[in-house]
PDB file of N, CA and C in Angstrom:
ATOM      1  N   MET A   1      95.684  42.950 101.796  1.00  0.00           N
ATOM      2  CA  MET A   1      97.360  43.517 103.078  1.00  0.00           C
ATOM      3  C   MET A   1      97.825  41.625 102.025  1.00  0.00           C
ATOM      4  N   THR A   2      98.565  41.596 101.622  1.00  0.00           N
ATOM      5  CA  THR A   2      99.350  41.032 101.689  1.00  0.00           C
ATOM      6  C   THR A   2     100.323  39.322 102.735  1.00  0.00           C
ATOM      7  N   LYS A   3     100.402  38.377 102.883  1.00  0.00           N
ATOM      8  CA  LYS A   3     101.038  37.465 103.640  1.00  0.00           C
ATOM      9  C   LYS A   3     101.916  37.880 104.277  1.00  0.00           C
ATOM     10  N   ALA A   4     102.880  38.481 103.440  1.00  0.00           N
ATOM     11  CA  ALA A   4     104.366  39.548 103.564  1.00  0.00           C
ATOM     12  C   ALA A   4     104.250  41.128 104.641  1.00  0.00           C
ATOM     13  N   GLN A   5     103.331  41.033 104.122  1.00  0.00           N
ATOM     14  CA  GLN A   5     102.541  43.291 104.698  1.00  0.00           C
ATOM     15  C   GLN A   5     102.064  42.610 106.260  1.00  0.00           C
ATOM     16  N   VAL A   6     101.216  41.322 106.496  1.00  0.00           N
ATOM     17  CA  VAL A   6     100.813  40.883 108.159  1.00  0.00           C
ATOM     18  C   VAL A   6     102.395  40.678 108.226  1.00  0.00           C
ATOM     19  N   VAL A   7     102.757  39.545 107.608  1.00  0.00           N
ATOM     20  CA  VAL A   7     105.034  39.535 108.929  1.00  0.00           C
ATOM     21  C   VAL A   7     105.378  40.699 108.673  1.00  0.00           C
ATOM     22  N   GLU A   8     104.895  41.208 108.511  1.00  0.00           N
ATOM     23  CA  GLU A   8     105.878  42.941 108.863  1.00  0.00           C
ATOM     24  C   GLU A   8     105.178  43.495 109.713  1.00  0.00           C
ATOM     25  N   ALA A   9     103.663  43.776 109.450  1.00  0.00           N
ATOM     26  CA  ALA A   9     103.568  44.320 111.020  1.00  0.00           C
ATOM     27  C   ALA A   9     102.966  44.008 111.755  1.00  0.00           C
ATOM     28  N   VAL A  10     103.025  42.076 111.755  1.00  0.00           N
ATOM     29  CA  VAL A  10     103.579  41.747 112.616  1.00  0.00           C
ATOM     30  C   VAL A  10     104.809  41.979 114.255  1.00  0.00           C
ATOM     31  N   SER A  11     105.608  42.213 112.775  1.00  0.00           N
ATOM     32  CA  SER A  11     106.573  42.351 113.311  1.00  0.00           C
ATOM     33  C   SER A  11     107.354  43.162 113.711  1.00  0.00           C
ATOM     34  N   THR A  12     106.819  44.614 113.048  1.00  0.00           N
ATOM     35  CA  THR A  12     106.302  45.340 113.712  1.00  0.00           C
ATOM     36  C   THR A  12     105.959  45.751 115.596  1.00  0.00           C
ATOM     37  N   ILE A  13     105.234  45.357 115.969  1.00  0.00           N
ATOM     38  CA  ILE A  13     104.532  45.212 116.645  1.00  0.00           C
ATOM     39  C   ILE A  13     105.052  44.435 117.957  1.00  0.00           C
ATOM     40  N   THR A  14     105.951  43.846 117.553  1.00  0.00           N
ATOM     41  CA  THR A  14     104.847  41.895 118.238  1.00  0.00           C
ATOM     42  C   THR A  14     107.234  42.284 118.929  1.00  0.00           C
ATOM     43  N   GLY A  15     108.053  42.749 117.689  1.00  0.00           N
ATOM     44  CA  GLY A  15     108.822  42.608 118.477  1.00  0.00           C
ATOM     45  C   GLY A  15     110.399  41.016 118.273  1.00  0.00           C
ATOM     46  N   LEU A  16     108.843  40.519 117.057  1.00  0.00           N
ATOM     47  CA  LEU A  16     109.846  39.596 117.432  1.00  0.00           C
ATOM     48  C   LEU A  16     109.520  39.563 115.838  1.00  0.00           C
ATOM     49  N   SER A  17     110.908  38.377 115.388  1.00  0.00           N
ATOM     50  CA  SER A  17     111.824  38.067 113.730  1.00  0.00           C
ATOM     51  C   SER A  17     110.453  38.275 112.742  1.00  0.00           C
ATOM     52  N   LYS A  18     110.724  38.063 111.924  1.00  0.00           N
ATOM     53  CA  LYS A  18     110.428  38.211 110.195  1.00  0.00           C
ATOM     54  C   LYS A  18     109.674  36.180 110.708  1.00  0.00           C
ATOM     55  N   ALA A  19     111.061  36.173 111.033  1.00  0.00           N
ATOM     56  CA  ALA A  19     110.874  34.490 110.407  1.00  0.00           C
ATOM     57  C   ALA A  19     110.142  33.452 111.745  1.00  0.00           C
ATOM     58  N   VAL A  20     109.874  33.976 112.420  1.00  0.00           N
ATOM     59  CA  VAL A  20     109.262  33.716 113.294  1.00  0.00           C
ATOM     60  C   VAL A  20     107.709  34.400 114.113  1.00  0.00           C
ATOM     61  N   VAL A  21     107.344  34.978 113.047  1.00  0.00           N
ATOM     62  CA  VAL A  21     106.289  35.470 112.344  1.00  0.00           C
ATOM     63  C   VAL A  21     106.069  35.101 111.560  1.00  0.00           C
ATOM     64  N   ALA A  22     106.085  33.970 110.691  1.00  0.00           N
ATOM     65  CA  ALA A  22     106.094  33.493 109.153  1.00  0.00           C
ATOM     66  C   ALA A  22     105.802  32.482 109.637  1.00  0.00           C
ATOM     67  N   ARG A  23     106.181  32.097 110.541  1.00  0.00           N
ATOM     68  CA  ARG A  23     106.003  30.241 110.896  1.00  0.00           C
ATOM     69  C   ARG A  23     104.484  30.058 111.633  1.00  0.00           C
ATOM     70  N   VAL A  24     104.699  31.079 112.070  1.00  0.00           N
ATOM     71  CA  VAL A  24     103.381  31.300 113.312  1.00  0.00           C
ATOM     72  C   VAL A  24     101.865  31.379 112.229  1.00  0.00           C
ATOM     73  N   ILE A  25     101.923  32.425 111.110  1.00  0.00           N
ATOM     74  CA  ILE A  25     101.377  32.778 110.434  1.00  0.00           C
ATOM     75  C   ILE A  25     100.876  31.311 109.792  1.00  0.00           C
ATOM     76  N   ASP A  26     102.014  30.137 109.419  1.00  0.00           N
ATOM     77  CA  ASP A  26     102.462  29.538 108.762  1.00  0.00           C
ATOM     78  C   ASP A  26     101.328  27.921 109.458  1.00  0.00           C
ATOM     79  N   CYS A  27     101.936  28.079 110.977  1.00  0.00           N
ATOM     80  CA  CYS A  27     101.221  26.930 111.517  1.00  0.00           C
ATOM     81  C   CYS A  27      99.206  27.375 112.188  1.00  0.00           C
ATOM     82  N   TYR A  28      99.299  28.551 112.119  1.00  0.00           N
ATOM     83  CA  TYR A  28      97.831  29.009 112.318  1.00  0.00           C
ATOM     84  C   TYR A  28      97.020  28.980 111.104  1.00  0.00           C
ATOM     85  N   HIS A  29      97.397  28.298 109.385  1.00  0.00           N
ATOM     86  CA  HIS A  29      96.729  27.836 108.785  1.00  0.00           C
ATOM     87  C   HIS A  29      96.548  26.526 108.466  1.00  0.00           C
ATOM     88  N   GLU A  30      97.365  26.449 109.223  1.00  0.00           N
ATOM     89  CA  GLU A  30      97.105  24.893 108.974  1.00  0.00           C
ATOM     90  C   GLU A  30      96.783  24.186 110.456  1.00  0.00           C
ATOM     91  N   VAL A  31      96.585  24.451 111.754  1.00  0.00           N
ATOM     92  CA  VAL A  31      95.864  24.676 112.929  1.00  0.00           C
ATOM     93  C   VAL A  31      93.856  24.826 112.224  1.00  0.00           C
ATOM     94  N   VAL A  32      93.464  25.672 111.311  1.00  0.00           N
ATOM     95  CA  VAL A  32      92.232  26.282 110.617  1.00  0.00           C
ATOM     96  C   VAL A  32      92.482  24.715 109.923  1.00  0.00           C
ATOM     97  N   SER A  33      92.816  24.138 108.828  1.00  0.00           N
ATOM     98  CA  SER A  33      92.145  23.272 108.060  1.00  0.00           C
ATOM     99  C   SER A  33      92.358  22.060 108.813  1.00  0.00           C
ATOM    100  N   GLY A  34      92.808  21.676 109.839  1.00  0.00           N
ATOM    101  CA  GLY A  34      92.920  20.611 109.920  1.00  0.00           C
ATOM    102  C   GLY A  34      91.675  20.886 110.408  1.00  0.00           C
ATOM    103  N   GLY A  35      91.466  21.679 111.976  1.00  0.00           N
ATOM    104  CA  GLY A  35      90.206  21.800 112.562  1.00  0.00           C
ATOM    105  C   GLY A  35      89.090  22.102 111.438  1.00  0.00           C
ATOM    106  N   LEU A  36      88.741  23.131 110.442  1.00  0.00           N
ATOM    107  CA  LEU A  36      88.967  22.670 109.593  1.00  0.00           C
ATOM    108  C   LEU A  36      87.479  20.948 108.952  1.00  0.00           C
ATOM    109  N   LYS A  37      88.655  19.860 108.493  1.00  0.00           N
ATOM    110  CA  LYS A  37      88.160  19.296 107.948  1.00  0.00           C
ATOM    111  C   LYS A  37      88.500  17.773 109.126  1.00  0.00           C
ATOM    112  N   LYS A  38      88.819  18.089 110.379  1.00  0.00           N
ATOM    113  CA  LYS A  38      88.586  17.063 111.628  1.00  0.00           C
ATOM    114  C   LYS A  38      87.121  17.883 112.217  1.00  0.00           C
ATOM    115  N   GLN A  39      86.001  18.671 112.107  1.00  0.00           N
ATOM    116  CA  GLN A  39      84.881  19.750 112.682  1.00  0.00           C
ATOM    117  C   GLN A  39      84.222  20.824 112.415  1.00  0.00           C
ATOM    118  N   GLY A  40      84.698  20.736 110.986  1.00  0.00           N
ATOM    119  CA  GLY A  40      84.202  20.968 110.257  1.00  0.00           C
ATOM    120  C   GLY A  40      83.316  22.896 110.456  1.00  0.00           C
ATOM    121  N   ARG A  41      84.435  23.585 111.527  1.00  0.00           N
ATOM    122  CA  ARG A  41      83.807  24.778 111.828  1.00  0.00           C
ATOM    123  C   ARG A  41      84.672  24.466 113.386  1.00  0.00           C
ATOM    124  N   VAL A  42      85.741  26.485 112.406  1.00  0.00           N
ATOM    125  CA  VAL A  42      86.606  26.881 113.823  1.00  0.00           C
ATOM    126  C   VAL A  42      86.045  28.628 113.787  1.00  0.00           C
ATOM    127  N   THR A  43      86.835  28.332 115.116  1.00  0.00           N
ATOM    128  CA  THR A  43      84.919  30.048 115.672  1.00  0.00           C
ATOM    129  C   THR A  43      87.035  30.932 116.917  1.00  0.00           C
ATOM    130  N   PHE A  44      86.604  31.407 116.433  1.00  0.00           N
ATOM    131  CA  PHE A  44      87.462  32.896 117.084  1.00  0.00           C
ATOM    132  C   PHE A  44      86.511  33.294 117.748  1.00  0.00           C
ATOM    133  N   ALA A  45      86.447  34.228 118.671  1.00  0.00           N
ATOM    134  CA  ALA A  45      85.253  34.897 119.345  1.00  0.00           C
ATOM    135  C   ALA A  45      85.697  36.545 118.620  1.00  0.00           C
ATOM    136  N   GLY A  46      85.389  36.823 119.013  1.00  0.00           N
ATOM    137  CA  GLY A  46      84.739  39.049 118.253  1.00  0.00           C
ATOM    138  C   GLY A  46      85.682  39.073 116.829  1.00  0.00           C
ATOM    139  N   PHE A  47      86.369  37.402 116.709  1.00  0.00           N
ATOM    140  CA  PHE A  47      86.535  37.491 114.509  1.00  0.00           C
ATOM    141  C   PHE A  47      85.465  37.642 113.886  1.00  0.00           C
ATOM    142  N   GLY A  48      85.793  36.083 113.750  1.00  0.00           N
ATOM    143  CA  GLY A  48      84.530  35.003 113.475  1.00  0.00           C
ATOM    144  C   GLY A  48      84.589  34.282 113.113  1.00  0.00           C
ATOM    145  N   THR A  49      83.702  33.183 112.676  1.00  0.00           N
ATOM    146  CA  THR A  49      83.851  31.644 112.156  1.00  0.00           C
ATOM    147  C   THR A  49      83.933  31.186 111.215  1.00  0.00           C
ATOM    148  N   PHE A  50      85.002  30.568 110.700  1.00  0.00           N
ATOM    149  CA  PHE A  50      85.697  29.232 109.331  1.00  0.00           C
ATOM    150  C   PHE A  50      84.652  28.498 109.384  1.00  0.00           C
ATOM    151  N   SER A  51      83.798  28.207 108.528  1.00  0.00           N
ATOM    152  CA  SER A  51      82.957  26.624 107.945  1.00  0.00           C
ATOM    153  C   SER A  51      82.841  25.691 106.387  1.00  0.00           C
ATOM    154  N   VAL A  52      83.023  25.117 107.074  1.00  0.00           N
ATOM    155  CA  VAL A  52      83.277  23.288 105.303  1.00  0.00           C
ATOM    156  C   VAL A  52      82.281  23.539 105.282  1.00  0.00           C
ATOM    157  N   SER A  53      80.975  24.500 104.092  1.00  0.00           N
ATOM    158  CA  SER A  53      79.763  24.431 103.152  1.00  0.00           C
ATOM    159  C   SER A  53      79.866  22.965 101.739  1.00  0.00           C
ATOM    160  N   ARG A  54      78.969  22.448 101.941  1.00  0.00           N
ATOM    161  CA  ARG A  54      79.199  21.753 100.388  1.00  0.00           C
ATOM    162  C   ARG A  54      78.724  22.356  99.498  1.00  0.00           C
ATOM    163  N   ARG A  55      78.861  22.651  98.200  1.00  0.00           N
ATOM    164  CA  ARG A  55      78.546  23.027  96.924  1.00  0.00           C
ATOM    165  C   ARG A  55      77.915  21.854  96.458  1.00  0.00           C
ATOM    166  N   LYS A  56      76.355  22.112  95.635  1.00  0.00           N
ATOM    167  CA  LYS A  56      75.429  21.087  95.091  1.00  0.00           C
ATOM    168  C   LYS A  56      76.581  21.021  93.375  1.00  0.00           C
ATOM    169  N   ALA A  57      76.161  19.776  92.855  1.00  0.00           N
ATOM    170  CA  ALA A  57      76.964  19.363  91.158  1.00  0.00           C
ATOM    171  C   ALA A  57      75.766  20.678  90.703  1.00  0.00           C
ATOM    172  N   ARG A  58      76.734  21.132  89.940  1.00  0.00           N
ATOM    173  CA  ARG A  58      75.850  21.824  88.637  1.00  0.00           C
ATOM    174  C   ARG A  58      76.285  21.943  87.764  1.00  0.00           C
ATOM    175  N   THR A  59      74.956  22.977  86.628  1.00  0.00           N
ATOM    176  CA  THR A  59      75.535  22.863  84.669  1.00  0.00           C
ATOM    177  C   THR A  59      76.357  23.571  84.404  1.00  0.00           C
ATOM    178  N   GLY A  60      76.738  23.995  84.087  1.00  0.00           N
ATOM    179  CA  GLY A  60      78.273  25.474  83.440  1.00  0.00           C
ATOM    180  C   GLY A  60      78.245  25.418  81.786  1.00  0.00           C
ATOM    181  N   PHE A  61      78.933  26.322  81.605  1.00  0.00           N
ATOM    182  CA  PHE A  61      79.578  26.024  79.972  1.00  0.00           C
ATOM    183  C   PHE A  61      80.417  26.253  80.141  1.00  0.00           C
ATOM    184  N   ASN A  62      81.231  26.071  78.344  1.00  0.00           N
ATOM    185  CA  ASN A  62      82.478  26.021  78.729  1.00  0.00           C
ATOM    186  C   ASN A  62      82.334  27.740  77.411  1.00  0.00           C
ATOM    187  N   PRO A  63      83.613  28.825  78.380  1.00  0.00           N
ATOM    188  CA  PRO A  63      83.217  29.736  77.582  1.00  0.00           C
ATOM    189  C   PRO A  63      83.812  29.909  76.116  1.00  0.00           C
ATOM    190  N   SER A  64      84.078  29.201  75.767  1.00  0.00           N
ATOM    191  CA  SER A  64      85.252  28.160  74.336  1.00  0.00           C
ATOM    192  C   SER A  64      83.836  28.505  73.304  1.00  0.00           C
ATOM    193  N   THR A  65      83.413  27.272  74.001  1.00  0.00           N
ATOM    194  CA  THR A  65      82.800  26.023  73.274  1.00  0.00           C
ATOM    195  C   THR A  65      81.498  26.352  73.146  1.00  0.00           C
ATOM    196  N   GLY A  66      80.924  27.194  74.532  1.00  0.00           N
ATOM    197  CA  GLY A  66      79.953  26.752  74.128  1.00  0.00           C
ATOM    198  C   GLY A  66      78.512  25.752  75.181  1.00  0.00           C
ATOM    199  N   GLN A  67      79.729  24.952  74.888  1.00  0.00           N
ATOM    200  CA  GLN A  67      78.937  23.341  75.132  1.00  0.00           C
ATOM    201  C   GLN A  67      78.814  23.228  76.993  1.00  0.00           C
ATOM    202  N   ALA A  68      77.897  22.444  77.312  1.00  0.00           N
ATOM    203  CA  ALA A  68      77.198  22.097  78.274  1.00  0.00           C
ATOM    204  C   ALA A  68      78.454  21.297  79.553  1.00  0.00           C
ATOM    205  N   ILE A  69      78.704  22.116  80.692  1.00  0.00           N
ATOM    206  CA  ILE A  69      79.521  20.943  81.307  1.00  0.00           C
ATOM    207  C   ILE A  69      78.560  20.199  82.392  1.00  0.00           C
ATOM    208  N   THR A  70      79.567  19.202  83.335  1.00  0.00           N
ATOM    209  CA  THR A  70      78.501  19.194  84.542  1.00  0.00           C
ATOM    210  C   THR A  70      79.939  19.300  85.396  1.00  0.00           C
ATOM    211  N   ILE A  71      79.536  20.328  86.189  1.00  0.00           N
ATOM    212  CA  ILE A  71      80.425  20.765  87.903  1.00  0.00           C
ATOM    213  C   ILE A  71      80.194  20.146  89.052  1.00  0.00           C
ATOM    214  N   PRO A  72      80.963  19.315  89.083  1.00  0.00           N
ATOM    215  CA  PRO A  72      80.700  18.372  90.186  1.00  0.00           C
ATOM    216  C   PRO A  72      79.969  19.372  91.256  1.00  0.00           C
ATOM    217  N   ALA A  73      80.296  18.570  93.017  1.00  0.00           N
ATOM    218  CA  ALA A  73      79.638  18.838  94.025  1.00  0.00           C
ATOM    219  C   ALA A  73      81.452  18.986  94.534  1.00  0.00           C
ATOM    220  N   THR A  74      81.895  19.651  95.433  1.00  0.00           N
ATOM    221  CA  THR A  74      82.856  20.157  96.107  1.00  0.00           C
ATOM    222  C   THR A  74      82.721  20.416  97.490  1.00  0.00           C
ATOM    223  N   LYS A  75      83.127  20.527  98.695  1.00  0.00           N
ATOM    224  CA  LYS A  75      83.251  21.399 100.207  1.00  0.00           C
ATOM    225  C   LYS A  75      84.721  23.192  98.943  1.00  0.00           C
ATOM    226  N   VAL A  76      82.894  23.434  99.881  1.00  0.00           N
ATOM    227  CA  VAL A  76      83.879  25.057 100.087  1.00  0.00           C
ATOM    228  C   VAL A  76      84.417  25.097 101.513  1.00  0.00           C
ATOM    229  N   ALA A  77      85.400  26.396 101.188  1.00  0.00           N
ATOM    230  CA  ALA A  77      85.781  27.163 103.387  1.00  0.00           C
ATOM    231  C   ALA A  77      84.376  27.681 102.366  1.00  0.00           C
ATOM    232  N   LYS A  78      83.725  28.136 104.064  1.00  0.00           N
ATOM    233  CA  LYS A  78      83.039  29.215 104.323  1.00  0.00           C
ATOM    234  C   LYS A  78      83.569  30.937 105.998  1.00  0.00           C
ATOM    235  N   PHE A  79      83.705  32.089 105.239  1.00  0.00           N
ATOM    236  CA  PHE A  79      84.303  32.223 106.617  1.00  0.00           C
ATOM    237  C   PHE A  79      83.424  33.484 106.817  1.00  0.00           C
ATOM    238  N   ARG A  80      82.770  33.866 108.155  1.00  0.00           N
ATOM    239  CA  ARG A  80      81.782  34.841 108.245  1.00  0.00           C
ATOM    240  C   ARG A  80      81.822  34.994 109.727  1.00  0.00           C
ATOM    241  N   ALA A  81      82.322  37.005 109.875  1.00  0.00           N
ATOM    242  CA  ALA A  81      83.346  37.966 109.977  1.00  0.00           C
ATOM    243  C   ALA A  81      81.770  38.171 111.640  1.00  0.00           C
ATOM    244  N   SER A  82      82.667  38.101 112.207  1.00  0.00           N
ATOM    245  CA  SER A  82      81.649  38.006 113.871  1.00  0.00           C
ATOM    246  C   SER A  82      81.539  39.794 114.151  1.00  0.00           C
ATOM    247  N   PRO A  83      80.017  40.272 114.018  1.00  0.00           N
ATOM    248  CA  PRO A  83      79.848  41.334 114.487  1.00  0.00           C
ATOM    249  C   PRO A  83      80.677  42.548 115.396  1.00  0.00           C
ATOM    250  N   ALA A  84      81.510  42.395 115.798  1.00  0.00           N
ATOM    251  CA  ALA A  84      82.241  43.102 116.683  1.00  0.00           C
ATOM    252  C   ALA A  84      83.122  43.667 116.088  1.00  0.00           C
ATOM    253  N   LEU A  85      83.348  42.362 114.410  1.00  0.00           N
ATOM    254  CA  LEU A  85      84.900  42.869 113.218  1.00  0.00           C
ATOM    255  C   LEU A  85      83.921  43.078 112.399  1.00  0.00           C
ATOM    256  N   MET A  86      82.733  42.863 112.266  1.00  0.00           N
ATOM    257  CA  MET A  86      82.166  44.309 111.068  1.00  0.00           C
ATOM    258  C   MET A  86      81.801  45.246 112.176  1.00  0.00           C
ATOM    259  N   LYS A  87      82.171  45.761 113.258  1.00  0.00           N
ATOM    260  CA  LYS A  87      82.069  47.147 113.846  1.00  0.00           C
ATOM    261  C   LYS A  87      82.964  48.110 113.649  1.00  0.00           C
ATOM    262  N   GLY A  88      84.447  47.359 113.148  1.00  0.00           N
ATOM    263  CA  GLY A  88      85.234  47.385 114.210  1.00  0.00           C
ATOM    264  C   GLY A  88      86.515  47.920 112.403  1.00  0.00           C
ATOM    265  N   ILE A  89      85.153  47.743 111.067  1.00  0.00           N
ATOM    266  CA  ILE A  89      85.544  47.984 109.881  1.00  0.00           C
ATOM    267  C   ILE A  89      85.245  49.032 109.499  1.00  0.00           C
ATOM    268  N   LYS A  90      83.820  49.322 110.080  1.00  0.00           N
ATOM    269  CA  LYS A  90      82.700  50.506 109.556  1.00  0.00           C
ATOM    270  C   LYS A  90      83.631  51.819 110.090  1.00  0.00           C
TER     271      LYS A  90
END
C-alpha cells in the first residue's frame, strides 16, 4: 500500500481532506523519527514498537569487481509488530 492509498483510505473513513490527512501522516513520521533520535524507542500499544539498532561493521564484496570492501557500522530503524497486530493479519 502506498502513502497515496493510505491518505485516500483515511480521508474516506474520517471525512477529512486528503491535504489534512497527508499533513498528519507527515507529522507522524517527524514525531516517530524524533522519538527514535531522542529516546531510541517509540511504542504504540496494540500496534508495535519502533527501535534503533546498531549494525556492526562487516566485510562485503563489490559485486562487479569481487573486491573485498569494509561496510561501516551504522544505526538502523527496526519495527516489531505487537501480538495484537499479528493476530489481526493472520
